[in-house]
Amino acid sequence: MILALLQARLSSTRLPGKVLLPLAGAPMLLRQIERVRRARRIDQIVVATSLEPSDDPLVDVLKEAGLAVHRGPLADVLARFVGALDVWPADHVVRLTGDCPLIDPEVIDATIALHLGEGADYTHNRYDPSGYPKGQDVEVISAAALRRTAAQDHSPEAREHVTWAVRNAPDRYRIARLDPQVDEGHVRWTVDTPDDYEFVRRVYEGLYPANPAFSSDDVRAFVRARPELTTFGGAPRL
């Protein structure tokens, strides 16, 4: 059983409410979930958000779309994940964040496949500054390792970043990494700033109407054909 937990909130500081900003006529988070649903190895998708009243509008949107939601502490995201795992038991958890509307379902599947094949406790596909583009981050952690770190690791970093203590303890956990054929760790496809959102909005505007299932290679070709987008907002996009 593979459970995807997608963490999201509306109280982001640099771009408040970003997960509900529109992309191709729908909230950004719903567009991201469309892409996650195409991953063949995921059995269940749950959005893990906070108990804060500020996230009530997000929960309303998700429930109206028929999506599973779990609410937990705002600052203790690790506890939020364990709480969701209690409700939706699974063998492994895929951690995703709600600011990645260009997530690649094939990369998700490849990361899960490596994780299972290696018998790893934790598998990732990006470690700054190398790996897949920022915005295609995928982490897979066994349920046992997730519960272990929740019980043992209580630093602010561990509680906020979920897998922080695991990926920094190769002596305690078996860790695997999926590397791309070409290092694109410098490429920025995530949404943290207004410029990031404008870049992704233009990609969706250009690709989604003709092909809602556009691929990462489609994004690369789209950006390559538009030189003004290659370093949009001063950040490398290709």
Protein backbone atom coordinates (compact mmCIF):
# COMPACT_ATOMS: atom_id res chain seq x y z
CA MET A 1 0.00 0.00 0.00
CA ILE A 2 1.50 3.33 -1.12
CA LEU A 3 0.01 6.48 0.44
CA ALA A 4 0.79 9.88 -1.06
CA LEU A 5 0.61 12.70 1.48
CA LEU A 6 0.57 16.12 -0.11
CA GLN A 7 1.21 18.84 2.46
CA ALA A 8 -0.41 22.20 1.82
CA ARG A 9 -1.49 25.32 3.66
CA LEU A 10 -2.72 28.81 2.84
CA SER A 11 -0.44 30.69 5.23
CA SER A 12 2.74 30.62 3.15
CA THR A 13 4.70 33.80 3.85
CA ARG A 14 6.19 34.66 0.45
CA LEU A 15 3.06 33.98 -1.59
CA PRO A 16 0.02 33.62 0.71
CA GLY A 17 -2.76 31.41 -0.60
CA LYS A 18 -0.60 30.16 -3.46
CA VAL A 19 -2.05 26.64 -3.53
CA LEU A 20 -5.44 28.08 -4.55
CA LEU A 21 -4.13 30.45 -7.22
CA PRO A 22 -5.70 29.63 -10.61
CA LEU A 23 -3.98 27.52 -13.24
CA ALA A 24 -5.90 26.76 -16.43
CA GLY A 25 -9.18 27.52 -14.71
CA ALA A 26 -8.72 25.55 -11.48
CA PRO A 27 -6.82 25.98 -8.20
CA MET A 28 -3.14 25.18 -8.51
CA LEU A 29 -3.32 22.36 -5.97
CA LEU A 30 -6.06 20.60 -7.94
CA ARG A 31 -3.97 20.83 -11.10
CA GLN A 32 -1.06 19.29 -9.21
CA ILE A 33 -3.25 16.47 -7.93
CA GLU A 34 -4.36 15.76 -11.51
CA ARG A 35 -0.71 15.05 -12.30
CA VAL A 36 -0.11 13.00 -9.14
CA ARG A 37 -3.11 10.82 -9.97
CA ARG A 38 -1.37 9.70 -13.15
CA ALA A 39 1.34 7.99 -11.08
CA ARG A 40 0.56 4.28 -11.37
CA ARG A 41 2.18 3.18 -8.12
CA ILE A 42 0.19 5.40 -5.75
CA ASP A 43 -2.85 3.79 -4.13
CA GLN A 44 -4.25 6.73 -2.15
CA ILE A 45 -3.77 10.51 -2.19
CA VAL A 46 -4.45 12.56 0.95
CA VAL A 47 -3.90 16.28 1.42
CA ALA A 48 -2.40 16.98 4.84
CA THR A 49 -3.21 20.49 5.99
CA SER A 50 -3.46 22.27 9.32
CA LEU A 51 -6.16 22.71 11.93
CA GLU A 52 -5.87 26.49 11.66
CA PRO A 53 -9.03 28.37 10.62
CA SER A 54 -6.94 29.98 7.87
CA ASP A 55 -6.93 26.61 6.10
CA ASP A 56 -10.71 26.17 6.20
CA PRO A 57 -11.13 27.57 2.64
CA LEU A 58 -8.57 25.04 1.38
CA VAL A 59 -10.42 22.18 3.04
CA ASP A 60 -13.69 23.38 1.50
CA VAL A 61 -12.16 23.34 -1.99
CA LEU A 62 -10.68 19.88 -1.48
CA LYS A 63 -13.86 18.36 -0.08
CA GLU A 64 -15.93 19.85 -2.88
CA ALA A 65 -13.55 18.11 -5.30
CA GLY A 66 -14.06 14.81 -3.46
CA LEU A 67 -10.50 14.61 -2.15
CA ALA A 68 -9.34 13.04 1.09
CA VAL A 69 -8.07 15.52 3.69
CA HIS A 70 -6.32 15.15 7.03
CA ARG A 71 -5.83 18.06 9.42
CA GLY A 72 -3.17 18.32 12.09
CA PRO A 73 -0.77 20.75 13.79
CA LEU A 74 0.41 23.66 11.67
CA ALA A 75 4.03 23.63 12.85
CA ASP A 76 4.41 19.90 13.55
CA VAL A 77 4.06 18.56 10.02
CA LEU A 78 5.61 15.25 11.05
CA ALA A 79 2.79 14.70 13.54
CA ARG A 80 0.35 15.62 10.77
CA PHE A 81 1.82 12.89 8.58
CA VAL A 82 1.68 10.24 11.31
CA GLY A 83 -1.93 11.21 12.03
CA ALA A 84 -2.82 10.71 8.37
CA LEU A 85 -1.02 7.38 8.35
CA ASP A 86 -3.12 6.30 11.33
CA VAL A 87 -6.29 6.99 9.33
CA TRP A 88 -5.01 5.58 6.03
CA PRO A 89 -2.63 2.72 6.95
CA ALA A 90 0.08 2.07 4.38
CA ASP A 91 3.43 0.36 3.98
CA HIS A 92 5.14 3.39 2.47
CA VAL A 93 4.43 7.12 2.28
CA VAL A 94 5.22 9.43 -0.63
CA ARG A 95 5.82 12.96 0.62
CA LEU A 96 4.86 15.77 -1.77
CA THR A 97 4.42 19.50 -1.24
CA GLY A 98 1.61 21.64 -2.62
CA ASP A 99 3.79 24.10 -4.51
CA CYS A 100 4.81 21.73 -7.32
CA PRO A 101 2.23 21.94 -10.13
CA LEU A 102 4.80 20.63 -12.63
CA ILE A 103 5.36 17.40 -10.69
CA ASP A 104 6.08 14.45 -12.99
CA PRO A 105 4.08 11.24 -12.43
CA GLU A 106 6.79 9.19 -14.16
CA VAL A 107 9.38 10.54 -11.73
CA ILE A 108 7.08 9.70 -8.83
CA ASP A 109 6.76 6.13 -10.09
CA ALA A 110 10.50 5.81 -10.69
CA THR A 111 11.28 7.03 -7.17
CA ILE A 112 8.83 4.54 -5.66
CA ALA A 113 10.23 1.72 -7.81
CA LEU A 114 13.78 2.46 -6.66
CA HIS A 115 12.64 2.65 -3.04
CA LEU A 116 10.95 -0.74 -3.22
CA GLY A 117 13.72 -2.35 -5.25
CA GLU A 118 16.42 -1.20 -2.84
CA GLY A 119 14.43 -2.09 0.25
CA ALA A 120 15.17 1.43 1.46
CA ASP A 121 13.85 3.20 4.50
CA TYR A 122 13.96 6.52 2.66
CA THR A 123 14.39 7.45 -1.01
CA HIS A 124 14.64 10.88 -2.60
CA ASN A 125 15.37 12.40 -5.99
CA ARG A 126 16.84 15.75 -5.07
CA TYR A 127 19.43 17.02 -2.64
CA ASP A 128 20.30 20.69 -3.12
CA PRO A 129 21.88 21.73 -5.34
CA SER A 130 21.65 18.65 -7.56
CA GLY A 131 19.06 16.20 -8.87
CA TYR A 132 15.71 16.78 -10.53
CA PRO A 133 14.33 20.32 -10.95
CA LYS A 134 13.18 22.07 -7.80
CA GLY A 135 9.45 21.48 -8.02
CA GLN A 136 9.74 17.82 -8.98
CA ASP A 137 10.83 16.74 -5.52
CA VAL A 138 9.67 13.26 -4.49
CA GLU A 139 10.42 11.55 -1.19
CA VAL A 140 9.38 8.03 -0.23
CA ILE A 141 9.65 6.78 3.33
CA SER A 142 8.59 3.48 4.86
CA ALA A 143 5.81 3.69 7.39
CA ALA A 144 8.13 2.14 9.98
CA ALA A 145 10.79 4.80 9.42
CA LEU A 146 8.20 7.59 9.52
CA ARG A 147 6.86 6.36 12.85
CA ARG A 148 10.38 5.88 14.18
CA THR A 149 11.49 9.42 13.40
CA ALA A 150 8.23 10.78 14.83
CA ALA A 151 8.92 8.98 18.10
CA GLN A 152 12.62 9.78 18.35
CA ASP A 153 13.31 13.11 16.65
CA HIS A 154 11.95 16.29 18.19
CA SER A 155 14.04 19.12 16.77
CA PRO A 156 12.15 21.93 15.02
CA GLU A 157 13.73 20.85 11.71
CA ALA A 158 12.54 17.26 12.12
CA ARG A 159 9.01 18.30 13.03
CA GLU A 160 8.65 20.86 10.24
CA HIS A 161 10.43 19.08 7.40
CA VAL A 162 9.18 15.52 8.13
CA THR A 163 12.10 13.56 6.67
CA TRP A 164 14.91 15.87 7.81
CA ALA A 165 16.22 13.61 10.59
CA VAL A 166 16.00 10.49 8.41
CA ARG A 167 17.91 11.83 5.42
CA ASN A 168 20.60 13.15 7.73
CA ALA A 169 21.11 9.81 9.49
CA PRO A 170 22.53 7.32 6.95
CA ASP A 171 23.91 5.35 9.88
CA ARG A 172 20.38 4.74 11.19
CA TYR A 173 18.42 4.39 7.95
CA ARG A 174 18.95 2.78 4.55
CA ILE A 175 18.82 5.66 2.07
CA ALA A 176 18.50 5.53 -1.72
CA ARG A 177 18.59 8.31 -4.29
CA LEU A 178 17.14 8.52 -7.79
CA ASP A 179 19.43 10.58 -10.03
CA PRO A 180 18.32 12.08 -13.36
CA GLN A 181 20.20 11.36 -16.56
CA VAL A 182 21.07 15.06 -16.69
CA ASP A 183 21.48 17.07 -13.50
CA GLU A 184 18.80 19.78 -13.40
CA GLY A 185 19.12 20.72 -9.76
CA HIS A 186 19.61 24.37 -10.73
CA VAL A 187 16.25 24.51 -12.56
CA ARG A 188 13.38 26.18 -10.72
CA TRP A 189 9.86 24.84 -11.38
CA THR A 190 8.42 25.27 -7.89
CA VAL A 191 6.06 28.07 -6.81
CA ASP A 192 7.29 30.18 -3.89
CA THR A 193 7.19 33.69 -5.35
CA PRO A 194 5.01 35.74 -7.71
CA ASP A 195 7.59 35.22 -10.47
CA ASP A 196 7.44 31.45 -9.95
CA TYR A 197 3.67 31.52 -10.24
CA GLU A 198 3.76 33.66 -13.38
CA PHE A 199 6.21 31.23 -14.99
CA VAL A 200 4.04 28.21 -14.19
CA ARG A 201 0.91 30.07 -15.27
CA ARG A 202 2.45 30.71 -18.68
CA VAL A 203 3.48 27.05 -19.01
CA TYR A 204 -0.06 25.89 -18.24
CA GLU A 205 -1.55 28.51 -20.53
CA GLY A 206 0.68 27.30 -23.35
CA LEU A 207 0.42 23.53 -22.84
CA TYR A 208 -2.63 22.51 -20.85
CA PRO A 209 -5.45 23.36 -23.33
CA ALA A 210 -4.05 21.06 -26.02
CA ASN A 211 -2.74 18.35 -23.69
CA PRO A 212 -3.65 18.31 -19.96
CA ALA A 213 -1.20 15.43 -19.52
CA PHE A 214 1.78 17.41 -20.83
CA SER A 215 5.15 15.94 -19.88
CA SER A 216 8.34 17.36 -18.45
CA ASP A 217 9.86 17.16 -21.92
CA ASP A 218 6.93 19.26 -23.18
CA VAL A 219 7.78 21.88 -20.55
CA ARG A 220 11.44 21.87 -21.57
CA ALA A 221 10.54 22.28 -25.24
CA PHE A 222 8.07 25.06 -24.44
CA VAL A 223 10.65 27.01 -22.44
CA ARG A 224 13.40 26.37 -24.99
CA ALA A 225 11.22 27.96 -27.68
CA ARG A 226 10.67 31.07 -25.55
CA PRO A 227 14.03 32.60 -24.56
CA GLU A 228 12.29 35.12 -22.28
CA LEU A 229 11.27 32.21 -20.02
CA THR A 230 14.64 30.50 -19.65
CA THR A 231 15.64 32.75 -16.75
CA PHE A 232 12.24 34.19 -15.92
CA GLY A 233 12.36 36.39 -12.84
CA GLY A 234 16.11 35.88 -12.68
CA ALA A 235 15.82 32.16 -11.91
CA PRO A 236 16.99 29.37 -14.26
CA ARG A 237 13.94 27.62 -15.73
CA LEU A 238 15.76 25.32 -18.16
